[in-house]
Each structure stands twice: as C-alpha cells, then as structure tokens.
Amino acid sequence: MKPFTFFVHMNATREWLKLSHQQRDEFFSNRLGQIMARYEDVRVRLFDVEAFSTKCSDIAMFETENLQAYTFMMDALRDSEFYTVPYFEIVDIYPAIEESFRDYVNTVQGIPTTP
C-alpha cells in the first residue's frame, strides 16, 4: 500500500510574524517537535511559498500509511498555539496518493507500467 500524502496550505498570521526568528525556531523545535515525536508514523516536510504564491505562505506535506496517526497529529496541532493563537490559518488540505494512476492501469486494466 502506498502512503497517503496531505498537502496542507497555510497562511502565517501576524502573531507568527511578530515572533523573532529565534522564537519561531524554538517553537518548532520544542512545542511542535514534541507533538511530531508522538506520531512517528507521520513524516512532515515544510515548504515556504510566500515568494511564489498569493494563495498561501506555507505548505506542510504530511505522509503516512496510518490515517489515524495523521488525524491525531492534526488534532494535537489544533490544540496547540499553532492554531489557537493562531500562528497559522489553514487555507486548504489536498489529500493525494503518489502515482495512483499507475496502480489503476496496472491493477484494473492489467497493463504493466514503468515507474
């Protein structure tokens, strides 16, 4: 089974931008680090996009085979300052499965595909 991927589009709020870079780093290392450590089944990557997009400032990519771990992590984030101050506001969430079309063609249509 391929992992599920969630692209979470977010906007940094004024409250986040008021923090110094050191405070932001400490928040990510300490508070968010504690949350992420509880959900080892979820891999997280962060992307800055504010220089390229007017729709959102940041994208978080969550990848997991364990949907419950993902939903629990999102609930933990919602209970944290990340969303309660809020430091970030969710714009949209896009769930995806990487190259699912290949699995469809290979499995349903019986046509071998090359990766």
PDB file of N, CA and C in Angstrom:
ATOM      1  N   MET A   1       0.837  -1.178   0.000  1.00  0.00           N
ATOM      2  CA  MET A   1       0.000   0.000   0.000  1.00  0.00           C
ATOM      3  C   MET A   1       0.886   1.246   0.000  1.00  0.00           C
ATOM      4  N   LYS A   2       0.548   2.176  -0.863  1.00  0.00           N
ATOM      5  CA  LYS A   2       1.287   3.426  -0.929  1.00  0.00           C
ATOM      6  C   LYS A   2       0.837   4.345   0.202  1.00  0.00           C
ATOM      7  N   PRO A   3       1.731   5.202   0.649  1.00  0.00           N
ATOM      8  CA  PRO A   3       1.338   6.139   1.707  1.00  0.00           C
ATOM      9  C   PRO A   3       0.374   7.199   1.193  1.00  0.00           C
ATOM     10  N   PHE A   4      -0.411   7.722   2.107  1.00  0.00           N
ATOM     11  CA  PHE A   4      -1.258   8.865   1.824  1.00  0.00           C
ATOM     12  C   PHE A   4      -0.422  10.116   2.038  1.00  0.00           C
ATOM     13  N   THR A   5      -0.625  11.104   1.194  1.00  0.00           N
ATOM     14  CA  THR A   5       0.068  12.374   1.335  1.00  0.00           C
ATOM     15  C   THR A   5      -0.974  13.474   1.452  1.00  0.00           C
ATOM     16  N   PHE A   6      -0.729  14.393   2.368  1.00  0.00           N
ATOM     17  CA  PHE A   6      -1.633  15.527   2.573  1.00  0.00           C
ATOM     18  C   PHE A   6      -0.824  16.806   2.428  1.00  0.00           C
ATOM     19  N   PHE A   7      -1.238  17.639   1.497  1.00  0.00           N
ATOM     20  CA  PHE A   7      -0.608  18.943   1.308  1.00  0.00           C
ATOM     21  C   PHE A   7      -1.489  19.967   2.015  1.00  0.00           C
ATOM     22  N   VAL A   8      -0.992  20.518   3.101  1.00  0.00           N
ATOM     23  CA  VAL A   8      -1.758  21.457   3.911  1.00  0.00           C
ATOM     24  C   VAL A   8      -1.257  22.859   3.600  1.00  0.00           C
ATOM     25  N   HIS A   9      -2.114  23.647   2.951  1.00  0.00           N
ATOM     26  CA  HIS A   9      -1.781  25.020   2.593  1.00  0.00           C
ATOM     27  C   HIS A   9      -2.176  25.923   3.751  1.00  0.00           C
ATOM     28  N   MET A  10      -1.235  26.773   4.181  1.00  0.00           N
ATOM     29  CA  MET A  10      -1.455  27.604   5.361  1.00  0.00           C
ATOM     30  C   MET A  10      -0.988  29.030   5.100  1.00  0.00           C
ATOM     31  N   ASN A  11      -1.514  29.925   5.916  1.00  0.00           N
ATOM     32  CA  ASN A  11      -1.032  31.302   5.932  1.00  0.00           C
ATOM     33  C   ASN A  11      -0.523  31.635   7.318  1.00  0.00           C
ATOM     34  N   ALA A  12       0.682  32.192   7.379  1.00  0.00           N
ATOM     35  CA  ALA A  12       1.216  32.674   8.645  1.00  0.00           C
ATOM     36  C   ALA A  12       0.430  33.919   9.049  1.00  0.00           C
ATOM     37  N   THR A  13       0.117  34.019  10.332  1.00  0.00           N
ATOM     38  CA  THR A  13      -0.632  35.166  10.829  1.00  0.00           C
ATOM     39  C   THR A  13       0.324  36.243  11.339  1.00  0.00           C
ATOM     40  N   ARG A  14      -0.230  37.390  11.655  1.00  0.00           N
ATOM     41  CA  ARG A  14       0.576  38.475  12.225  1.00  0.00           C
ATOM     42  C   ARG A  14       1.229  38.038  13.532  1.00  0.00           C
ATOM     43  N   GLU A  15       0.500  37.218  14.300  1.00  0.00           N
ATOM     44  CA  GLU A  15       1.058  36.742  15.580  1.00  0.00           C
ATOM     45  C   GLU A  15       2.345  35.953  15.352  1.00  0.00           C
ATOM     46  N   TRP A  16       2.382  35.159  14.312  1.00  0.00           N
ATOM     47  CA  TRP A  16       3.586  34.390  13.984  1.00  0.00           C
ATOM     48  C   TRP A  16       4.699  35.329  13.512  1.00  0.00           C
ATOM     49  N   LEU A  17       4.329  36.251  12.655  1.00  0.00           N
ATOM     50  CA  LEU A  17       5.325  37.155  12.080  1.00  0.00           C
ATOM     51  C   LEU A  17       5.894  38.119  13.111  1.00  0.00           C
ATOM     52  N   LYS A  18       5.179  38.368  14.210  1.00  0.00           N
ATOM     53  CA  LYS A  18       5.685  39.220  15.290  1.00  0.00           C
ATOM     54  C   LYS A  18       6.804  38.547  16.077  1.00  0.00           C
ATOM     55  N   LEU A  19       6.843  37.221  16.052  1.00  0.00           N
ATOM     56  CA  LEU A  19       7.878  36.488  16.785  1.00  0.00           C
ATOM     57  C   LEU A  19       9.223  36.657  16.102  1.00  0.00           C
ATOM     58  N   SER A  20      10.273  36.668  16.897  1.00  0.00           N
ATOM     59  CA  SER A  20      11.618  36.724  16.314  1.00  0.00           C
ATOM     60  C   SER A  20      11.907  35.372  15.654  1.00  0.00           C
ATOM     61  N   HIS A  21      12.917  35.341  14.807  1.00  0.00           N
ATOM     62  CA  HIS A  21      13.279  34.077  14.155  1.00  0.00           C
ATOM     63  C   HIS A  21      13.711  33.054  15.198  1.00  0.00           C
ATOM     64  N   GLN A  22      14.355  33.501  16.250  1.00  0.00           N
ATOM     65  CA  GLN A  22      14.763  32.590  17.322  1.00  0.00           C
ATOM     66  C   GLN A  22      13.530  32.011  18.026  1.00  0.00           C
ATOM     67  N   GLN A  23      12.527  32.827  18.298  1.00  0.00           N
ATOM     68  CA  GLN A  23      11.299  32.338  18.934  1.00  0.00           C
ATOM     69  C   GLN A  23      10.570  31.344  18.026  1.00  0.00           C
ATOM     70  N   ARG A  24      10.553  31.618  16.743  1.00  0.00           N
ATOM     71  CA  ARG A  24       9.910  30.694  15.796  1.00  0.00           C
ATOM     72  C   ARG A  24      10.627  29.353  15.797  1.00  0.00           C
ATOM     73  N   ASP A  25      11.955  29.407  15.751  1.00  0.00           N
ATOM     74  CA  ASP A  25      12.748  28.181  15.743  1.00  0.00           C
ATOM     75  C   ASP A  25      12.537  27.388  17.030  1.00  0.00           C
ATOM     76  N   GLU A  26      12.498  28.086  18.162  1.00  0.00           N
ATOM     77  CA  GLU A  26      12.262  27.408  19.437  1.00  0.00           C
ATOM     78  C   GLU A  26      10.880  26.768  19.465  1.00  0.00           C
ATOM     79  N   PHE A  27       9.886  27.446  18.935  1.00  0.00           N
ATOM     80  CA  PHE A  27       8.537  26.887  18.895  1.00  0.00           C
ATOM     81  C   PHE A  27       8.515  25.614  18.057  1.00  0.00           C
ATOM     82  N   PHE A  28       9.127  25.654  16.885  1.00  0.00           N
ATOM     83  CA  PHE A  28       9.156  24.463  16.034  1.00  0.00           C
ATOM     84  C   PHE A  28       9.947  23.349  16.687  1.00  0.00           C
ATOM     85  N   SER A  29      11.100  23.665  17.252  1.00  0.00           N
ATOM     86  CA  SER A  29      11.939  22.628  17.854  1.00  0.00           C
ATOM     87  C   SER A  29      11.292  22.030  19.096  1.00  0.00           C
ATOM     88  N   ASN A  30      10.738  22.876  19.941  1.00  0.00           N
ATOM     89  CA  ASN A  30      10.210  22.399  21.217  1.00  0.00           C
ATOM     90  C   ASN A  30       8.755  21.961  21.124  1.00  0.00           C
ATOM     91  N   ARG A  31       7.851  22.887  20.959  1.00  0.00           N
ATOM     92  CA  ARG A  31       6.415  22.578  21.020  1.00  0.00           C
ATOM     93  C   ARG A  31       5.987  21.650  19.896  1.00  0.00           C
ATOM     94  N   LEU A  32       6.295  22.017  18.655  1.00  0.00           N
ATOM     95  CA  LEU A  32       5.887  21.160  17.538  1.00  0.00           C
ATOM     96  C   LEU A  32       6.702  19.882  17.502  1.00  0.00           C
ATOM     97  N   GLY A  33       7.955  19.959  17.912  1.00  0.00           N
ATOM     98  CA  GLY A  33       8.791  18.757  17.976  1.00  0.00           C
ATOM     99  C   GLY A  33       8.204  17.709  18.904  1.00  0.00           C
ATOM    100  N   GLN A  34       7.646  18.164  20.040  1.00  0.00           N
ATOM    101  CA  GLN A  34       7.009  17.241  20.987  1.00  0.00           C
ATOM    102  C   GLN A  34       5.789  16.573  20.362  1.00  0.00           C
ATOM    103  N   ILE A  35       5.007  17.344  19.644  1.00  0.00           N
ATOM    104  CA  ILE A  35       3.807  16.785  19.001  1.00  0.00           C
ATOM    105  C   ILE A  35       4.204  15.778  17.932  1.00  0.00           C
ATOM    106  N   MET A  36       5.126  16.163  17.082  1.00  0.00           N
ATOM    107  CA  MET A  36       5.527  15.275  15.981  1.00  0.00           C
ATOM    108  C   MET A  36       6.186  13.999  16.489  1.00  0.00           C
ATOM    109  N   ALA A  37       6.892  14.085  17.601  1.00  0.00           N
ATOM    110  CA  ALA A  37       7.550  12.898  18.157  1.00  0.00           C
ATOM    111  C   ALA A  37       6.540  11.848  18.604  1.00  0.00           C
ATOM    112  N   ARG A  38       5.331  12.270  18.955  1.00  0.00           N
ATOM    113  CA  ARG A  38       4.298  11.315  19.391  1.00  0.00           C
ATOM    114  C   ARG A  38       3.725  10.525  18.223  1.00  0.00           C
ATOM    115  N   TYR A  39       3.924  11.010  17.013  1.00  0.00           N
ATOM    116  CA  TYR A  39       3.314  10.379  15.835  1.00  0.00           C
ATOM    117  C   TYR A  39       4.400  10.005  14.831  1.00  0.00           C
ATOM    118  N   GLU A  40       5.167   8.982  15.197  1.00  0.00           N
ATOM    119  CA  GLU A  40       6.303   8.545  14.376  1.00  0.00           C
ATOM    120  C   GLU A  40       5.884   8.074  12.988  1.00  0.00           C
ATOM    121  N   ASP A  41       4.631   7.637  12.860  1.00  0.00           N
ATOM    122  CA  ASP A  41       4.152   7.125  11.573  1.00  0.00           C
ATOM    123  C   ASP A  41       3.888   8.225  10.559  1.00  0.00           C
ATOM    124  N   VAL A  42       3.985   9.483  10.987  1.00  0.00           N
ATOM    125  CA  VAL A  42       3.705  10.603  10.095  1.00  0.00           C
ATOM    126  C   VAL A  42       5.000  11.367   9.838  1.00  0.00           C
ATOM    127  N   ARG A  43       5.346  11.465   8.573  1.00  0.00           N
ATOM    128  CA  ARG A  43       6.529  12.235   8.171  1.00  0.00           C
ATOM    129  C   ARG A  43       6.055  13.610   7.707  1.00  0.00           C
ATOM    130  N   VAL A  44       6.780  14.641   8.123  1.00  0.00           N
ATOM    131  CA  VAL A  44       6.369  16.008   7.819  1.00  0.00           C
ATOM    132  C   VAL A  44       7.511  16.751   7.135  1.00  0.00           C
ATOM    133  N   ARG A  45       7.160  17.461   6.069  1.00  0.00           N
ATOM    134  CA  ARG A  45       8.104  18.356   5.388  1.00  0.00           C
ATOM    135  C   ARG A  45       7.435  19.720   5.271  1.00  0.00           C
ATOM    136  N   LEU A  46       8.218  20.771   5.415  1.00  0.00           N
ATOM    137  CA  LEU A  46       7.688  22.134   5.390  1.00  0.00           C
ATOM    138  C   LEU A  46       8.282  22.907   4.225  1.00  0.00           C
ATOM    139  N   PHE A  47       7.433  23.695   3.583  1.00  0.00           N
ATOM    140  CA  PHE A  47       7.845  24.466   2.418  1.00  0.00           C
ATOM    141  C   PHE A  47       7.387  25.914   2.569  1.00  0.00           C
ATOM    142  N   ASP A  48       8.280  26.857   2.303  1.00  0.00           N
ATOM    143  CA  ASP A  48       7.916  28.274   2.256  1.00  0.00           C
ATOM    144  C   ASP A  48       7.540  28.617   0.825  1.00  0.00           C
ATOM    145  N   VAL A  49       6.383  29.249   0.643  1.00  0.00           N
ATOM    146  CA  VAL A  49       5.955  29.586  -0.717  1.00  0.00           C
ATOM    147  C   VAL A  49       5.557  31.046  -0.878  1.00  0.00           C
ATOM    148  N   GLU A  50       5.722  31.843   0.188  1.00  0.00           N
ATOM    149  CA  GLU A  50       5.231  33.222   0.121  1.00  0.00           C
ATOM    150  C   GLU A  50       5.864  34.044  -0.996  1.00  0.00           C
ATOM    151  N   ALA A  51       7.040  33.687  -1.434  1.00  0.00           N
ATOM    152  CA  ALA A  51       7.684  34.425  -2.522  1.00  0.00           C
ATOM    153  C   ALA A  51       7.120  34.039  -3.893  1.00  0.00           C
ATOM    154  N   PHE A  52       6.298  32.990  -3.920  1.00  0.00           N
ATOM    155  CA  PHE A  52       5.811  32.465  -5.192  1.00  0.00           C
ATOM    156  C   PHE A  52       4.296  32.394  -5.313  1.00  0.00           C
ATOM    157  N   SER A  53       3.578  32.651  -4.222  1.00  0.00           N
ATOM    158  CA  SER A  53       2.134  32.455  -4.227  1.00  0.00           C
ATOM    159  C   SER A  53       1.426  33.544  -3.432  1.00  0.00           C
ATOM    160  N   THR A  54       0.250  33.918  -3.898  1.00  0.00           N
ATOM    161  CA  THR A  54      -0.598  34.832  -3.135  1.00  0.00           C
ATOM    162  C   THR A  54      -1.686  34.060  -2.391  1.00  0.00           C
ATOM    163  N   LYS A  55      -1.764  32.755  -2.616  1.00  0.00           N
ATOM    164  CA  LYS A  55      -2.815  31.930  -2.003  1.00  0.00           C
ATOM    165  C   LYS A  55      -2.456  31.475  -0.592  1.00  0.00           C
ATOM    166  N   CYS A  56      -1.167  31.187  -0.365  1.00  0.00           N
ATOM    167  CA  CYS A  56      -0.735  30.745   0.958  1.00  0.00           C
ATOM    168  C   CYS A  56       0.740  31.084   1.148  1.00  0.00           C
ATOM    169  N   SER A  57       1.157  31.093   2.397  1.00  0.00           N
ATOM    170  CA  SER A  57       2.554  31.418   2.691  1.00  0.00           C
ATOM    171  C   SER A  57       3.403  30.178   2.915  1.00  0.00           C
ATOM    172  N   ASP A  58       2.757  29.080   3.305  1.00  0.00           N
ATOM    173  CA  ASP A  58       3.487  27.865   3.662  1.00  0.00           C
ATOM    174  C   ASP A  58       2.686  26.640   3.266  1.00  0.00           C
ATOM    175  N   ILE A  59       3.409  25.556   2.990  1.00  0.00           N
ATOM    176  CA  ILE A  59       2.779  24.267   2.731  1.00  0.00           C
ATOM    177  C   ILE A  59       3.478  23.233   3.603  1.00  0.00           C
ATOM    178  N   ALA A  60       2.665  22.463   4.322  1.00  0.00           N
ATOM    179  CA  ALA A  60       3.190  21.325   5.072  1.00  0.00           C
ATOM    180  C   ALA A  60       2.764  20.070   4.332  1.00  0.00           C
ATOM    181  N   MET A  61       3.697  19.160   4.147  1.00  0.00           N
ATOM    182  CA  MET A  61       3.396  17.893   3.493  1.00  0.00           C
ATOM    183  C   MET A  61       3.479  16.795   4.547  1.00  0.00           C
ATOM    184  N   PHE A  62       2.352  16.142   4.802  1.00  0.00           N
ATOM    185  CA  PHE A  62       2.289  15.035   5.746  1.00  0.00           C
ATOM    186  C   PHE A  62       2.179  13.752   4.935  1.00  0.00           C
ATOM    187  N   GLU A  63       2.976  12.745   5.285  1.00  0.00           N
ATOM    188  CA  GLU A  63       2.933  11.477   4.569  1.00  0.00           C
ATOM    189  C   GLU A  63       2.843  10.345   5.585  1.00  0.00           C
ATOM    190  N   THR A  64       1.896   9.419   5.352  1.00  0.00           N
ATOM    191  CA  THR A  64       1.707   8.324   6.301  1.00  0.00           C
ATOM    192  C   THR A  64       0.934   7.173   5.680  1.00  0.00           C
ATOM    193  N   GLU A  65       1.117   6.005   6.243  1.00  0.00           N
ATOM    194  CA  GLU A  65       0.284   4.848   5.924  1.00  0.00           C
ATOM    195  C   GLU A  65      -0.790   4.694   6.993  1.00  0.00           C
ATOM    196  N   ASN A  66      -0.674   5.463   8.074  1.00  0.00           N
ATOM    197  CA  ASN A  66      -1.533   5.351   9.246  1.00  0.00           C
ATOM    198  C   ASN A  66      -2.425   6.594   9.344  1.00  0.00           C
ATOM    199  N   LEU A  67      -3.638   6.498   8.795  1.00  0.00           N
ATOM    200  CA  LEU A  67      -4.535   7.653   8.781  1.00  0.00           C
ATOM    201  C   LEU A  67      -4.916   8.117  10.181  1.00  0.00           C
ATOM    202  N   GLN A  68      -5.047   7.192  11.124  1.00  0.00           N
ATOM    203  CA  GLN A  68      -5.380   7.600  12.488  1.00  0.00           C
ATOM    204  C   GLN A  68      -4.258   8.443  13.092  1.00  0.00           C
ATOM    205  N   ALA A  69      -3.006   8.082  12.853  1.00  0.00           N
ATOM    206  CA  ALA A  69      -1.888   8.878  13.360  1.00  0.00           C
ATOM    207  C   ALA A  69      -1.920  10.283  12.765  1.00  0.00           C
ATOM    208  N   TYR A  70      -2.240  10.385  11.482  1.00  0.00           N
ATOM    209  CA  TYR A  70      -2.346  11.702  10.843  1.00  0.00           C
ATOM    210  C   TYR A  70      -3.457  12.525  11.480  1.00  0.00           C
ATOM    211  N   THR A  71      -4.647  11.939  11.648  1.00  0.00           N
ATOM    212  CA  THR A  71      -5.755  12.710  12.219  1.00  0.00           C
ATOM    213  C   THR A  71      -5.472  13.094  13.667  1.00  0.00           C
ATOM    214  N   PHE A  72      -4.829  12.206  14.422  1.00  0.00           N
ATOM    215  CA  PHE A  72      -4.470  12.538  15.802  1.00  0.00           C
ATOM    216  C   PHE A  72      -3.450  13.673  15.835  1.00  0.00           C
ATOM    217  N   MET A  73      -2.476  13.637  14.917  1.00  0.00           N
ATOM    218  CA  MET A  73      -1.490  14.717  14.862  1.00  0.00           C
ATOM    219  C   MET A  73      -2.169  16.038  14.539  1.00  0.00           C
ATOM    220  N   MET A  74      -3.079  16.023  13.592  1.00  0.00           N
ATOM    221  CA  MET A  74      -3.788  17.253  13.243  1.00  0.00           C
ATOM    222  C   MET A  74      -4.603  17.768  14.428  1.00  0.00           C
ATOM    223  N   ASP A  75      -5.228  16.877  15.187  1.00  0.00           N
ATOM    224  CA  ASP A  75      -5.964  17.305  16.381  1.00  0.00           C
ATOM    225  C   ASP A  75      -5.014  17.909  17.414  1.00  0.00           C
ATOM    226  N   ALA A  76      -3.853  17.301  17.593  1.00  0.00           N
ATOM    227  CA  ALA A  76      -2.865  17.840  18.538  1.00  0.00           C
ATOM    228  C   ALA A  76      -2.383  19.221  18.091  1.00  0.00           C
ATOM    229  N   LEU A  77      -2.181  19.396  16.787  1.00  0.00           N
ATOM    230  CA  LEU A  77      -1.784  20.709  16.272  1.00  0.00           C
ATOM    231  C   LEU A  77      -2.896  21.726  16.494  1.00  0.00           C
ATOM    232  N   ARG A  78      -4.135  21.306  16.302  1.00  0.00           N
ATOM    233  CA  ARG A  78      -5.271  22.216  16.517  1.00  0.00           C
ATOM    234  C   ARG A  78      -5.384  22.647  17.976  1.00  0.00           C
ATOM    235  N   ASP A  79      -4.945  21.791  18.889  1.00  0.00           N
ATOM    236  CA  ASP A  79      -4.979  22.125  20.308  1.00  0.00           C
ATOM    237  C   ASP A  79      -3.787  22.985  20.737  1.00  0.00           C
ATOM    238  N   SER A  80      -2.822  23.139  19.854  1.00  0.00           N
ATOM    239  CA  SER A  80      -1.607  23.901  20.193  1.00  0.00           C
ATOM    240  C   SER A  80      -1.714  25.346  19.722  1.00  0.00           C
ATOM    241  N   GLU A  81      -0.728  26.129  20.093  1.00  0.00           N
ATOM    242  CA  GLU A  81      -0.654  27.524  19.677  1.00  0.00           C
ATOM    243  C   GLU A  81      -0.599  27.668  18.156  1.00  0.00           C
ATOM    244  N   PHE A  82      -0.191  26.624  17.495  1.00  0.00           N
ATOM    245  CA  PHE A  82      -0.109  26.649  16.039  1.00  0.00           C
ATOM    246  C   PHE A  82      -1.426  27.148  15.446  1.00  0.00           C
ATOM    247  N   TYR A  83      -2.547  26.655  16.003  1.00  0.00           N
ATOM    248  CA  TYR A  83      -3.865  27.065  15.530  1.00  0.00           C
ATOM    249  C   TYR A  83      -4.652  27.915  16.522  1.00  0.00           C
ATOM    250  N   THR A  84      -4.307  27.857  17.817  1.00  0.00           N
ATOM    251  CA  THR A  84      -5.125  28.559  18.801  1.00  0.00           C
ATOM    252  C   THR A  84      -4.775  30.027  18.969  1.00  0.00           C
ATOM    253  N   VAL A  85      -3.524  30.410  18.714  1.00  0.00           N
ATOM    254  CA  VAL A  85      -3.177  31.833  18.865  1.00  0.00           C
ATOM    255  C   VAL A  85      -3.900  32.665  17.805  1.00  0.00           C
ATOM    256  N   PRO A  86      -4.025  32.366  16.605  1.00  0.00           N
ATOM    257  CA  PRO A  86      -3.306  31.331  15.855  1.00  0.00           C
ATOM    258  C   PRO A  86      -2.010  31.868  15.262  1.00  0.00           C
ATOM    259  N   TYR A  87      -1.067  30.950  15.109  1.00  0.00           N
ATOM    260  CA  TYR A  87       0.158  31.300  14.377  1.00  0.00           C
ATOM    261  C   TYR A  87      -0.047  31.063  12.883  1.00  0.00           C
ATOM    262  N   PHE A  88      -0.886  30.076  12.553  1.00  0.00           N
ATOM    263  CA  PHE A  88      -1.173  29.761  11.151  1.00  0.00           C
ATOM    264  C   PHE A  88      -2.659  29.512  10.979  1.00  0.00           C
ATOM    265  N   GLU A  89      -3.156  29.814   9.805  1.00  0.00           N
ATOM    266  CA  GLU A  89      -4.529  29.507   9.440  1.00  0.00           C
ATOM    267  C   GLU A  89      -4.508  28.579   8.236  1.00  0.00           C
ATOM    268  N   ILE A  90      -5.347  27.566   8.276  1.00  0.00           N
ATOM    269  CA  ILE A  90      -5.431  26.604   7.174  1.00  0.00           C
ATOM    270  C   ILE A  90      -6.183  27.238   6.011  1.00  0.00           C
ATOM    271  N   VAL A  91      -5.611  27.135   4.820  1.00  0.00           N
ATOM    272  CA  VAL A  91      -6.263  27.607   3.599  1.00  0.00           C
ATOM    273  C   VAL A  91      -6.992  26.440   2.948  1.00  0.00           C
ATOM    274  N   ASP A  92      -6.290  25.308   2.832  1.00  0.00           N
ATOM    275  CA  ASP A  92      -6.857  24.134   2.182  1.00  0.00           C
ATOM    276  C   ASP A  92      -6.021  22.914   2.516  1.00  0.00           C
ATOM    277  N   ILE A  93      -6.618  21.750   2.378  1.00  0.00           N
ATOM    278  CA  ILE A  93      -5.905  20.478   2.543  1.00  0.00           C
ATOM    279  C   ILE A  93      -6.185  19.637   1.307  1.00  0.00           C
ATOM    280  N   TYR A  94      -5.114  19.173   0.669  1.00  0.00           N
ATOM    281  CA  TYR A  94      -5.225  18.347  -0.534  1.00  0.00           C
ATOM    282  C   TYR A  94      -4.659  16.960  -0.249  1.00  0.00           C
ATOM    283  N   PRO A  95      -5.523  15.945  -0.091  1.00  0.00           N
ATOM    284  CA  PRO A  95      -5.029  14.576   0.066  1.00  0.00           C
ATOM    285  C   PRO A  95      -4.641  14.010  -1.298  1.00  0.00           C
ATOM    286  N   ALA A  96      -3.642  13.149  -1.298  1.00  0.00           N
ATOM    287  CA  ALA A  96      -3.174  12.571  -2.562  1.00  0.00           C
ATOM    288  C   ALA A  96      -2.512  11.225  -2.323  1.00  0.00           C
ATOM    289  N   ILE A  97      -2.459  10.434  -3.382  1.00  0.00           N
ATOM    290  CA  ILE A  97      -1.697   9.190  -3.396  1.00  0.00           C
ATOM    291  C   ILE A  97      -0.770   9.277  -4.593  1.00  0.00           C
ATOM    292  N   GLU A  98       0.508   9.167  -4.330  1.00  0.00           N
ATOM    293  CA  GLU A  98       1.504   9.347  -5.385  1.00  0.00           C
ATOM    294  C   GLU A  98       1.355   8.297  -6.486  1.00  0.00           C
ATOM    295  N   GLU A  99       1.284   8.769  -7.714  1.00  0.00           N
ATOM    296  CA  GLU A  99       1.208   7.933  -8.915  1.00  0.00           C
ATOM    297  C   GLU A  99       0.134   6.849  -8.839  1.00  0.00           C
ATOM    298  N   SER A 100      -0.996   7.199  -8.288  1.00  0.00           N
ATOM    299  CA  SER A 100      -2.103   6.249  -8.175  1.00  0.00           C
ATOM    300  C   SER A 100      -2.578   5.770  -9.542  1.00  0.00           C
ATOM    301  N   PHE A 101      -2.419   6.605 -10.551  1.00  0.00           N
ATOM    302  CA  PHE A 101      -2.848   6.221 -11.901  1.00  0.00           C
ATOM    303  C   PHE A 101      -2.116   4.975 -12.381  1.00  0.00           C
ATOM    304  N   ARG A 102      -0.854   4.824 -11.985  1.00  0.00           N
ATOM    305  CA  ARG A 102      -0.098   3.627 -12.394  1.00  0.00           C
ATOM    306  C   ARG A 102      -0.711   2.373 -11.782  1.00  0.00           C
ATOM    307  N   ASP A 103      -1.088   2.456 -10.519  1.00  0.00           N
ATOM    308  CA  ASP A 103      -1.711   1.311  -9.860  1.00  0.00           C
ATOM    309  C   ASP A 103      -3.032   0.964 -10.529  1.00  0.00           C
ATOM    310  N   TYR A 104      -3.797   1.991 -10.885  1.00  0.00           N
ATOM    311  CA  TYR A 104      -5.078   1.757 -11.560  1.00  0.00           C
ATOM    312  C   TYR A 104      -4.867   1.033 -12.890  1.00  0.00           C
ATOM    313  N   VAL A 105      -3.984   1.550 -13.700  1.00  0.00           N
ATOM    314  CA  VAL A 105      -3.747   0.952 -15.018  1.00  0.00           C
ATOM    315  C   VAL A 105      -3.225  -0.470 -14.864  1.00  0.00           C
ATOM    316  N   ASN A 106      -2.288  -0.659 -13.945  1.00  0.00           N
ATOM    317  CA  ASN A 106      -1.675  -1.960 -13.746  1.00  0.00           C
ATOM    318  C   ASN A 106      -2.667  -2.973 -13.161  1.00  0.00           C
ATOM    319  N   THR A 107      -3.441  -2.570 -12.191  1.00  0.00           N
ATOM    320  CA  THR A 107      -4.340  -3.475 -11.481  1.00  0.00           C
ATOM    321  C   THR A 107      -5.666  -3.679 -12.194  1.00  0.00           C
ATOM    322  N   VAL A 108      -6.313  -2.593 -12.547  1.00  0.00           N
ATOM    323  CA  VAL A 108      -7.655  -2.681 -13.129  1.00  0.00           C
ATOM    324  C   VAL A 108      -7.604  -3.049 -14.590  1.00  0.00           C
ATOM    325  N   GLN A 109      -6.695  -2.435 -15.321  1.00  0.00           N
ATOM    326  CA  GLN A 109      -6.636  -2.668 -16.757  1.00  0.00           C
ATOM    327  C   GLN A 109      -5.633  -3.740 -17.146  1.00  0.00           C
ATOM    328  N   GLY A 110      -4.783  -4.160 -16.197  1.00  0.00           N
ATOM    329  CA  GLY A 110      -3.828  -5.219 -16.471  1.00  0.00           C
ATOM    330  C   GLY A 110      -2.709  -4.818 -17.430  1.00  0.00           C
ATOM    331  N   ILE A 111      -2.458  -3.537 -17.546  1.00  0.00           N
ATOM    332  CA  ILE A 111      -1.399  -3.049 -18.430  1.00  0.00           C
ATOM    333  C   ILE A 111      -0.185  -2.689 -17.583  1.00  0.00           C
ATOM    334  N   PRO A 112       0.942  -3.351 -17.774  1.00  0.00           N
ATOM    335  CA  PRO A 112       2.135  -3.020 -16.978  1.00  0.00           C
ATOM    336  C   PRO A 112       2.585  -1.574 -17.269  1.00  0.00           C
ATOM    337  N   THR A 113       3.002  -0.890 -16.215  1.00  0.00           N
ATOM    338  CA  THR A 113       3.516   0.470 -16.370  1.00  0.00           C
ATOM    339  C   THR A 113       4.949   0.490 -15.863  1.00  0.00           C
ATOM    340  N   THR A 114       5.701   1.428 -16.353  1.00  0.00           N
ATOM    341  CA  THR A 114       7.069   1.590 -15.883  1.00  0.00           C
ATOM    342  C   THR A 114       7.114   2.754 -14.922  1.00  0.00           C
ATOM    343  N   PRO A 115       7.835   2.601 -13.799  1.00  0.00           N
ATOM    344  CA  PRO A 115       7.897   3.690 -12.810  1.00  0.00           C
ATOM    345  C   PRO A 115       8.666   4.887 -13.318  1.00  0.00           C
TER     346      PRO A 115
END
